[in-house]
Protein backbone atom coordinates (compact mmCIF):
# COMPACT_ATOMS: atom_id res chain seq x y z
CA MET A 1 -6.00 -20.38 -0.14
CA GLY A 2 -9.33 -20.46 -1.95
CA ALA A 3 -10.30 -20.95 -5.57
CA ARG A 4 -7.73 -18.44 -6.81
CA LEU A 5 -4.23 -18.74 -5.43
CA PHE A 6 -3.42 -15.03 -5.77
CA GLY A 7 -5.42 -12.51 -3.78
CA THR A 8 -5.59 -8.74 -4.17
CA ASP A 9 -1.95 -8.34 -3.13
CA GLY A 10 -0.04 -11.54 -3.89
CA VAL A 11 -0.31 -14.86 -2.07
CA ARG A 12 -0.91 -14.59 1.68
CA GLY A 13 -1.68 -16.91 4.54
CA LEU A 14 -0.54 -18.32 7.85
CA ALA A 15 3.18 -18.99 7.46
CA ASN A 16 4.13 -22.68 7.48
CA LYS A 17 0.47 -23.71 7.26
CA ASP A 18 -1.14 -21.95 4.30
CA LEU A 19 2.11 -20.50 2.98
CA THR A 20 4.81 -23.18 3.20
CA ALA A 21 8.39 -23.39 1.97
CA ASP A 22 7.22 -25.93 -0.62
CA LEU A 23 4.63 -23.49 -1.95
CA ALA A 24 7.09 -20.60 -1.96
CA LEU A 25 9.59 -22.69 -3.93
CA SER A 26 6.98 -23.79 -6.46
CA LEU A 27 5.62 -20.28 -6.87
CA SER A 28 9.03 -18.78 -7.62
CA VAL A 29 9.84 -21.51 -10.15
CA ALA A 30 6.48 -20.91 -11.82
CA ALA A 31 7.00 -17.13 -11.77
CA ALA A 32 10.36 -17.48 -13.49
CA ARG A 33 8.82 -19.72 -16.13
CA ALA A 34 5.82 -17.47 -16.71
CA LEU A 35 7.89 -14.32 -17.17
CA GLY A 36 10.61 -16.11 -19.13
CA ASP A 37 8.19 -17.80 -21.52
CA ARG A 38 7.34 -14.37 -22.93
CA GLY A 39 10.94 -13.72 -23.89
CA ALA A 40 11.68 -11.42 -20.94
CA PHE A 41 15.11 -13.03 -20.58
CA GLY A 42 16.18 -11.86 -24.04
CA GLY A 43 18.72 -14.64 -24.36
CA GLN A 44 20.61 -13.42 -21.28
CA ARG A 45 20.71 -14.79 -17.74
CA ALA A 46 17.63 -13.41 -16.02
CA VAL A 47 17.89 -11.51 -12.73
CA ALA A 48 15.48 -11.31 -9.79
CA VAL A 49 15.64 -8.96 -6.81
CA VAL A 50 14.29 -10.46 -3.57
CA GLY A 51 13.53 -8.69 -0.28
CA ARG A 52 11.44 -9.20 2.83
CA ASP A 53 10.09 -7.61 5.97
CA THR A 54 11.23 -8.59 9.47
CA ARG A 55 8.98 -11.61 10.16
CA ALA A 56 10.86 -14.68 11.34
CA SER A 57 9.07 -16.77 8.72
CA GLY A 58 10.47 -14.52 6.01
CA GLU A 59 13.86 -16.07 6.58
CA PHE A 60 12.89 -19.56 5.46
CA LEU A 61 10.30 -18.40 2.93
CA GLY A 62 12.81 -15.99 1.39
CA ALA A 63 15.36 -18.79 1.14
CA ALA A 64 12.77 -20.91 -0.65
CA VAL A 65 11.94 -18.14 -3.13
CA CYS A 66 15.64 -17.55 -3.86
CA ALA A 67 16.14 -21.30 -4.34
CA GLY A 68 13.20 -21.53 -6.71
CA PHE A 69 14.42 -18.67 -8.87
CA ALA A 70 17.96 -20.07 -8.99
CA SER A 71 16.72 -23.55 -9.89
CA ALA A 72 14.92 -21.96 -12.85
CA GLY A 73 18.14 -20.41 -14.11
CA VAL A 74 17.60 -16.95 -12.62
CA ASP A 75 20.38 -15.03 -10.86
CA VAL A 76 19.15 -13.68 -7.53
CA LEU A 77 20.10 -10.43 -5.79
CA ASP A 78 19.08 -11.01 -2.17
CA ALA A 79 18.49 -7.52 -0.73
CA GLY A 80 17.44 -8.77 2.71
CA VAL A 81 15.13 -6.63 4.84
CA LEU A 82 13.82 -3.69 2.82
CA PRO A 83 10.39 -2.11 2.19
CA THR A 84 8.24 -3.30 -0.69
CA PRO A 85 8.73 -0.01 -2.61
CA ALA A 86 12.50 -0.40 -2.25
CA ILE A 87 12.39 -3.80 -3.94
CA ALA A 88 10.19 -2.35 -6.68
CA TYR A 89 12.68 0.47 -7.21
CA LEU A 90 15.67 -1.88 -7.22
CA THR A 91 13.96 -4.24 -9.69
CA ALA A 92 13.76 -1.30 -12.09
CA ARG A 93 17.20 0.13 -11.32
CA MET A 94 18.98 -3.20 -11.78
CA LYS A 95 16.98 -3.89 -14.96
CA ALA A 96 15.91 -7.19 -13.40
CA GLU A 97 13.28 -9.28 -15.11
CA MET A 98 11.38 -9.82 -11.85
CA GLY A 99 11.25 -9.09 -8.15
CA ALA A 100 9.72 -10.75 -5.11
CA VAL A 101 8.78 -9.43 -1.67
CA LEU A 102 8.10 -11.61 1.37
CA SER A 103 5.61 -9.67 3.48
CA ALA A 104 2.06 -9.65 4.82
CA SER A 105 2.05 -5.85 5.14
CA HIS A 106 0.05 -4.75 8.21
CA ASN A 107 -1.06 -8.29 9.15
CA ALA A 108 0.02 -9.84 12.44
CA MET A 109 3.36 -11.65 12.64
CA PRO A 110 2.15 -15.27 12.12
CA ASP A 111 1.00 -14.37 8.58
CA ASN A 112 3.25 -13.87 5.60
CA GLY A 113 2.93 -13.39 1.87
CA ILE A 114 4.71 -13.41 -1.48
CA LYS A 115 4.29 -10.58 -3.95
CA PHE A 116 5.91 -10.82 -7.38
CA LEU A 117 6.92 -7.84 -9.47
CA GLY A 118 7.54 -7.69 -13.19
CA LYS A 119 10.14 -5.84 -15.24
CA GLY A 120 10.33 -2.21 -14.23
CA GLY A 121 9.16 -3.02 -10.69
CA HIS A 122 5.47 -3.13 -11.58
CA LYS A 123 2.84 -5.32 -9.98
CA LEU A 124 1.68 -8.22 -12.12
CA SER A 125 -1.66 -8.30 -13.89
CA ASP A 126 -4.31 -10.84 -12.96
CA ALA A 127 -3.59 -12.64 -16.22
CA THR A 128 0.11 -13.02 -15.39
CA GLU A 129 -0.69 -14.24 -11.89
CA ASP A 130 -3.05 -16.82 -13.38
CA GLU A 131 -0.27 -17.86 -15.75
CA ILE A 132 2.02 -18.45 -12.78
CA SER A 133 -0.67 -20.57 -11.13
CA ALA A 134 -1.06 -22.61 -14.32
CA HIS A 135 2.68 -23.34 -14.51
CA MET A 136 2.57 -24.80 -11.00
CA ASP A 137 0.43 -27.66 -12.29
CA GLU A 138 2.62 -28.45 -15.30
CA PRO A 139 5.52 -30.91 -15.43
CA TRP A 140 8.93 -29.39 -16.16
CA THR A 141 11.58 -31.78 -17.40
CA ASP A 142 14.12 -29.43 -19.02
CA ARG A 143 15.34 -27.76 -15.84
CA PRO A 144 18.67 -25.88 -16.10
CA GLN A 145 21.70 -27.88 -15.11
CA GLY A 146 25.41 -27.27 -14.55
CA ALA A 147 26.44 -23.71 -15.29
CA ALA A 148 22.89 -22.88 -16.39
CA VAL A 149 21.49 -22.77 -12.84
CA GLY A 150 21.13 -19.37 -11.24
CA ARG A 151 23.41 -17.91 -8.59
CA ILE A 152 22.29 -16.28 -5.32
CA ARG A 153 24.26 -13.26 -4.15
CA PRO A 154 23.78 -10.91 -1.20
CA PHE A 155 22.83 -7.41 -2.32
CA PRO A 156 23.56 -5.11 0.67
CA GLN A 157 24.19 -2.13 -1.59
CA GLY A 158 20.49 -2.16 -2.43
CA ARG A 159 19.83 -0.22 0.78
CA ASP A 160 22.20 2.57 -0.26
CA PHE A 161 20.72 2.68 -3.76
CA TYR A 162 17.23 3.11 -2.28
CA LEU A 163 18.35 5.83 0.14
CA GLU A 164 20.06 7.64 -2.73
CA HIS A 165 16.79 7.46 -4.69
CA LEU A 166 14.86 8.95 -1.77
CA ARG A 167 17.38 11.80 -1.40
CA ASP A 168 17.12 12.59 -5.09
CA SER A 169 13.30 12.59 -4.98
CA VAL A 170 12.74 15.05 -2.11
CA PRO A 171 12.69 18.68 -3.32
CA THR A 172 14.17 20.35 -0.23
CA ARG A 173 16.29 19.71 2.85
CA LEU A 174 14.55 19.11 6.18
CA ASP A 175 17.08 20.89 8.40
CA GLY A 176 15.51 22.19 11.62
CA LEU A 177 12.59 19.77 11.52
CA HIS A 178 12.01 17.40 14.45
CA VAL A 179 10.06 14.24 13.57
CA VAL A 180 9.11 10.99 15.27
CA VAL A 181 8.89 7.93 13.05
CA ASP A 182 7.15 4.66 13.93
CA ALA A 183 8.57 1.84 11.81
CA ALA A 184 6.18 -0.86 13.14
CA HIS A 185 9.27 -2.99 13.93
CA GLY A 186 9.09 -3.68 10.22
CA ALA A 187 10.94 -3.32 6.95
CA ALA A 188 11.60 0.42 7.29
CA SER A 189 13.19 0.17 10.75
CA VAL A 190 16.61 1.12 9.35
CA VAL A 191 16.03 2.91 6.04
CA GLY A 192 13.13 5.07 7.27
CA PRO A 193 15.01 6.89 10.03
CA ALA A 194 18.15 6.99 7.86
CA ALA A 195 16.28 8.75 5.05
CA PHE A 196 15.09 11.51 7.39
CA GLU A 197 18.51 11.90 8.98
CA GLN A 198 20.19 12.18 5.59
CA ALA A 199 17.65 14.87 4.66
CA GLY A 200 18.72 16.88 7.72
CA ALA A 201 15.85 16.23 10.15
CA THR A 202 16.19 15.43 13.83
CA VAL A 203 14.67 11.97 14.21
CA ASP A 204 13.25 10.06 17.16
CA VAL A 205 12.40 6.43 16.44
CA ILE A 206 9.77 4.18 17.98
CA GLY A 207 8.85 0.73 16.71
CA GLY A 208 12.34 0.40 15.30
CA SER A 209 13.69 -2.67 17.11
CA PRO A 210 12.50 -5.72 15.16
CA ASP A 211 13.15 -9.16 16.66
CA GLY A 212 11.33 -11.26 14.07
CA LEU A 213 8.24 -11.59 16.25
CA ASN A 214 7.09 -8.04 17.06
CA ILE A 215 6.23 -6.63 13.63
CA ASN A 216 3.00 -4.53 13.78
CA ASP A 217 2.58 -5.49 17.46
CA GLY A 218 1.13 -2.31 18.98
CA TYR A 219 3.10 -0.10 16.60
CA GLY A 220 2.77 1.16 13.04
CA SER A 221 0.06 2.73 10.91
CA THR A 222 -2.70 0.56 12.39
CA HIS A 223 -1.74 1.41 16.00
CA LEU A 224 -1.19 5.17 16.25
CA ASP A 225 -1.57 5.79 20.00
CA LYS A 226 2.13 5.38 20.80
CA LEU A 227 3.11 7.74 17.98
CA LYS A 228 0.65 10.38 19.17
CA GLU A 229 2.01 10.14 22.69
CA ALA A 230 5.63 10.30 21.52
CA VAL A 231 5.14 13.34 19.29
CA VAL A 232 3.50 15.34 22.08
CA ALA A 233 5.88 14.15 24.83
CA ARG A 234 9.00 14.94 22.80
CA GLY A 235 7.76 18.24 21.41
CA ALA A 236 8.22 17.10 17.81
CA ASP A 237 6.87 18.96 14.80
CA MET A 238 5.12 15.85 13.46
CA GLY A 239 5.21 12.06 13.34
CA PHE A 240 4.88 9.40 10.68
CA ALA A 241 3.87 5.75 10.96
CA TRP A 242 4.49 3.01 8.44
CA ASP A 243 3.11 -0.52 8.19
CA GLY A 244 5.15 -3.73 8.15
CA ASP A 245 6.40 -3.40 4.58
CA ALA A 246 6.30 0.42 4.56
CA ASP A 247 4.13 0.88 1.49
CA ARG A 248 1.69 3.05 3.44
CA CYS A 249 2.05 6.07 5.70
CA LEU A 250 -0.13 7.97 8.15
CA ALA A 251 0.88 11.12 9.98
CA VAL A 252 0.34 12.88 13.31
CA ASP A 253 0.63 16.64 13.81
CA ALA A 254 2.39 18.37 16.72
CA ASP A 255 -0.76 18.17 18.87
CA GLY A 256 -1.12 14.42 18.34
CA THR A 257 -3.99 14.69 15.85
CA VAL A 258 -4.04 12.05 13.11
CA VAL A 259 -3.56 13.19 9.50
CA ASP A 260 -4.97 10.40 7.34
CA GLY A 261 -4.32 9.32 3.77
CA ASP A 262 -6.99 11.60 2.34
CA GLN A 263 -5.46 14.66 4.00
CA ILE A 264 -1.98 13.60 2.91
CA MET A 265 -3.15 13.26 -0.68
CA GLY A 266 -4.76 16.69 -0.49
CA ILE A 267 -1.52 18.22 0.82
CA LEU A 268 0.59 16.57 -1.87
CA ALA A 269 -1.89 17.34 -4.67
CA LEU A 270 -1.65 21.06 -3.94
CA ALA A 271 2.14 20.87 -3.58
CA MET A 272 2.45 19.20 -6.96
CA ARG A 273 -0.09 21.52 -8.56
CA ASP A 274 1.75 24.59 -7.25
CA ALA A 275 5.00 23.21 -8.68
CA GLY A 276 3.35 22.48 -12.03
CA ARG A 277 3.93 18.73 -11.59
CA LEU A 278 0.39 17.40 -11.05
CA ARG A 279 -0.43 15.72 -14.35
CA ASP A 280 -3.70 17.10 -15.79
CA ASP A 281 -4.35 18.60 -12.33
CA THR A 282 -5.87 15.24 -11.41
CA LEU A 283 -5.82 13.13 -8.24
CA VAL A 284 -6.89 9.46 -8.34
CA VAL A 285 -8.70 8.15 -5.25
CA THR A 286 -10.97 5.23 -4.36
CA VAL A 287 -14.70 5.41 -3.67
CA MET A 288 -13.89 5.19 0.06
CA SER A 289 -12.07 8.52 0.16
CA ASN A 290 -13.91 11.03 2.31
CA LEU A 291 -16.31 13.35 0.52
CA GLY A 292 -14.49 16.21 2.23
CA LEU A 293 -11.43 15.50 0.07
CA LEU A 294 -13.50 15.58 -3.12
CA GLN A 295 -15.09 18.86 -2.10
CA ALA A 296 -11.74 20.40 -1.18
CA MET A 297 -10.12 19.40 -4.46
CA GLU A 298 -13.05 20.83 -6.41
CA ARG A 299 -12.62 24.15 -4.59
CA GLU A 300 -8.91 24.12 -5.44
CA GLY A 301 -9.45 23.31 -9.11
CA VAL A 302 -8.07 19.79 -8.84
CA VAL A 303 -10.01 17.04 -10.61
CA THR A 304 -10.62 13.80 -8.69
CA THR A 305 -11.27 10.51 -10.41
CA GLN A 306 -12.49 7.53 -8.36
CA THR A 307 -11.77 3.81 -8.62
CA GLY A 308 -12.78 0.65 -6.78
CA VAL A 309 -11.22 -0.06 -3.40
CA GLY A 310 -7.60 -1.21 -3.58
CA ASP A 311 -4.33 0.44 -4.52
CA ARG A 312 -3.98 -1.82 -7.55
CA TYR A 313 -7.08 -0.20 -9.08
CA VAL A 314 -5.72 3.26 -8.33
CA LEU A 315 -2.44 2.33 -9.97
CA GLU A 316 -4.20 0.85 -13.01
CA GLN A 317 -6.15 4.08 -13.55
CA MET A 318 -3.01 6.17 -13.14
CA ARG A 319 -0.99 4.15 -15.61
CA THR A 320 -3.84 3.95 -18.14
CA LYS A 321 -4.67 7.66 -18.08
CA GLY A 322 -1.18 9.03 -17.42
CA PHE A 323 -1.90 10.55 -13.98
CA ASN A 324 0.92 10.74 -11.43
CA LEU A 325 -0.70 11.04 -7.97
CA GLY A 326 -3.23 8.77 -6.32
CA GLY A 327 -3.92 6.64 -3.31
CA GLU A 328 -6.18 5.51 -0.51
CA GLN A 329 -7.46 6.85 2.79
CA SER A 330 -5.47 4.08 4.51
CA GLY A 331 -2.21 5.80 3.56
CA HIS A 332 -1.22 4.07 0.32
CA VAL A 333 0.01 7.05 -1.71
CA ILE A 334 1.44 6.48 -5.19
CA MET A 335 3.67 9.09 -6.83
CA LEU A 336 4.40 7.65 -10.24
CA ASP A 337 7.11 10.20 -11.00
CA HIS A 338 9.21 8.54 -8.30
CA ALA A 339 7.78 5.08 -7.56
CA THR A 340 5.79 2.24 -9.09
CA THR A 341 4.01 1.40 -5.81
CA GLY A 342 2.88 3.15 -2.66
CA ASP A 343 5.98 4.23 -0.72
CA GLY A 344 5.43 5.18 2.91
CA VAL A 345 8.92 6.59 3.48
CA LEU A 346 8.79 8.70 0.32
CA THR A 347 5.30 9.94 1.26
CA ALA A 348 6.49 11.02 4.71
CA LEU A 349 9.50 12.83 3.25
CA MET A 350 7.31 14.67 0.74
CA VAL A 351 4.86 15.81 3.43
CA ALA A 352 7.74 17.01 5.60
CA ALA A 353 9.22 18.85 2.62
CA ARG A 354 5.91 20.65 2.05
CA VAL A 355 5.98 21.83 5.68
CA VAL A 356 9.48 23.24 5.17
CA GLU A 357 8.69 24.82 1.79
CA THR A 358 5.55 26.59 3.00
CA GLY A 359 6.65 27.40 6.55
CA ARG A 360 3.26 26.16 7.72
CA THR A 361 2.58 23.51 10.34
CA LEU A 362 1.27 20.09 9.39
CA ALA A 363 -1.95 20.87 11.27
CA ASP A 364 -2.42 23.97 9.13
CA LEU A 365 -1.72 22.10 5.89
CA ALA A 366 -4.13 19.32 6.89
CA GLN A 367 -6.95 21.87 6.95
CA VAL A 368 -6.94 21.66 3.16
CA MET A 369 -10.02 19.48 3.72
CA THR A 370 -12.69 19.03 6.33
CA ARG A 371 -13.39 15.39 7.01
CA LEU A 372 -17.09 14.66 6.97
CA PRO A 373 -18.25 12.23 9.68
CA GLN A 374 -18.17 8.77 8.16
CA VAL A 375 -20.12 5.80 9.52
CA LEU A 376 -19.56 2.22 8.36
CA VAL A 377 -22.06 -0.53 9.26
CA ASN A 378 -21.37 -4.17 8.35
CA VAL A 379 -24.48 -6.20 7.56
CA ARG A 380 -23.68 -9.92 7.82
CA GLY A 381 -25.49 -13.03 6.66
CA VAL A 382 -26.98 -11.50 3.51
CA ASP A 383 -26.94 -12.30 -0.21
CA LYS A 384 -24.45 -9.66 -1.32
CA ASN A 385 -24.89 -10.59 -4.99
CA ARG A 386 -28.39 -9.05 -5.02
CA VAL A 387 -27.27 -5.57 -4.00
CA GLU A 388 -27.53 -4.05 -7.47
CA SER A 389 -30.57 -6.04 -8.62
CA ASP A 390 -32.94 -5.47 -5.69
CA ALA A 391 -35.14 -2.58 -6.80
CA GLU A 392 -36.48 -1.71 -3.32
CA LEU A 393 -32.97 -1.58 -1.87
CA GLN A 394 -31.74 0.65 -4.68
CA GLN A 395 -34.72 2.95 -4.12
CA ALA A 396 -33.82 3.11 -0.43
CA VAL A 397 -30.29 4.11 -1.39
CA SER A 398 -31.63 6.83 -3.69
CA ASP A 399 -33.95 8.10 -0.95
CA ALA A 400 -31.09 8.20 1.56
CA GLN A 401 -28.89 10.10 -0.88
CA ALA A 402 -31.72 12.59 -1.50
CA GLU A 403 -32.19 13.01 2.25
CA LEU A 404 -28.57 14.18 2.53
CA SER A 405 -29.30 16.92 -0.03
CA GLY A 406 -25.81 17.01 -1.48
CA ALA A 407 -24.21 17.37 1.97
CA GLY A 408 -23.27 13.70 2.21
CA ARG A 409 -22.90 10.41 0.43
CA VAL A 410 -24.19 6.82 0.57
CA LEU A 411 -22.26 3.78 -0.61
CA LEU A 412 -22.99 0.04 -0.47
CA ARG A 413 -19.98 -2.21 -0.86
CA LYS A 414 -19.90 -6.00 -1.13
CA SER A 415 -17.28 -7.98 0.76
CA GLY A 416 -14.98 -9.96 -1.49
CA THR A 417 -14.81 -12.98 0.81
CA GLU A 418 -17.86 -13.00 3.13
CA PRO A 419 -21.67 -12.86 2.85
CA LEU A 420 -21.49 -9.27 3.99
CA VAL A 421 -22.52 -5.83 2.74
CA ARG A 422 -20.87 -2.65 4.05
CA VAL A 423 -23.06 0.42 4.36
CA MET A 424 -21.03 3.62 4.32
CA VAL A 425 -22.65 7.00 4.97
CA GLU A 426 -21.03 10.44 5.16
CA ALA A 427 -23.01 13.45 6.37
CA ASP A 428 -22.54 16.90 7.83
CA THR A 429 -23.00 15.57 11.39
CA ALA A 430 -22.10 12.26 13.00
CA ASP A 431 -25.63 11.74 14.32
CA ARG A 432 -27.13 12.24 10.87
CA ALA A 433 -24.65 9.83 9.29
CA GLN A 434 -25.33 7.23 12.00
CA GLY A 435 -29.10 7.51 11.61
CA VAL A 436 -29.06 7.16 7.82
CA ALA A 437 -26.59 4.26 8.00
CA GLU A 438 -28.63 2.32 10.55
CA ARG A 439 -31.88 2.76 8.61
CA LEU A 440 -30.26 1.68 5.36
CA ALA A 441 -28.59 -1.28 7.07
CA SER A 442 -32.03 -2.44 8.22
CA VAL A 443 -33.26 -2.36 4.64
CA VAL A 444 -30.21 -4.33 3.47
CA LYS A 445 -30.81 -6.97 6.13
CA GLU A 446 -34.51 -7.24 5.29
CA ARG A 447 -34.19 -7.27 1.51
CA LEU A 448 -31.08 -9.47 1.18
CA ALA A 449 -31.68 -11.94 4.00
CA LEU A 450 -30.47 -15.46 3.20
């Protein structure tokens, strides 16, 4: 797993090799202890909400997590297969002290992961995750016994609670709208289509027949070809694709053209601004959002603030500064008025509602921004730690930025796990972006060679 057990989004690895039932059990015991040691239990029996995506390994790993919580004196509400944002919502609704999701998101089926949530359905801080890791190495002799052990109960009503929440969040009915949804054979295979049907839309479903082995296999937000084909073939107004745990969403218009996370955020930012609900008229994005989005928001009088790459950094900025809309180009969109995490189903419903409210097509709404050609070049086998300190490389970056004359952008990004530097260039033409990126990549390779 590496030096630090927790990664950027929980603990992930190859199920039954890196992520075993033993590890899942130990992690959940340690999580209960870490959260309980701060008095979260308040003298009452603590409660945890547990859910998972459709991976076969989630069955035994989920059982291990439930067992660990119960052995630590925590009552468990086992919600079964539900999206990550549903478990976050239910953790808050049930006033549970903690939640846990078994999922590896958009990863292939053999992988799995465990993500813990704190009170209110919020992701844990790095410090709390480190505290959980520390508890795993400590002896624990005063384990609950007798009536003090936790109880594990099925929680099927969690699905209805989540669907009710989605209905209450969407500002208008979707009657007359025809959509195709691609559930990636994942956690939203049931609730995603149901949410659209309850809102009045006509729904065609692809990627909605999970068998435990086919999650993300050719379907979902990382495989959009089948959705594009289905939308055009069935004459639908639009399509939406989720990933395995449905915390992200990408869209396709009636012509089969992809509408990415940047365009979705632009659409929703204007919708919320027009309704007077966009806090401080501000949208939070990462440094990887397309420059076209930043330019469009400036034209529309919406402020954009940028964070490092990762939805956790977007969420941190939103919670710290009080903003209520943010996300990533990949389709993680966070609407803090309704959810504590990215919610792909909610995002899709909100985009569809904007189409109905305005009477405009999704293709028309997506023209809120013009995507600048973006080229990404990975430079491997280099000393990434010298990116900021190498004066000649930084001068080359400055020269490249000057060459673009305000009509583009240059960004160097270090990999978190490999000796690799990513060169990202946006420009007014693809050829110009490619040329600048290749020249700068050559400088990176020369200056940072190992």
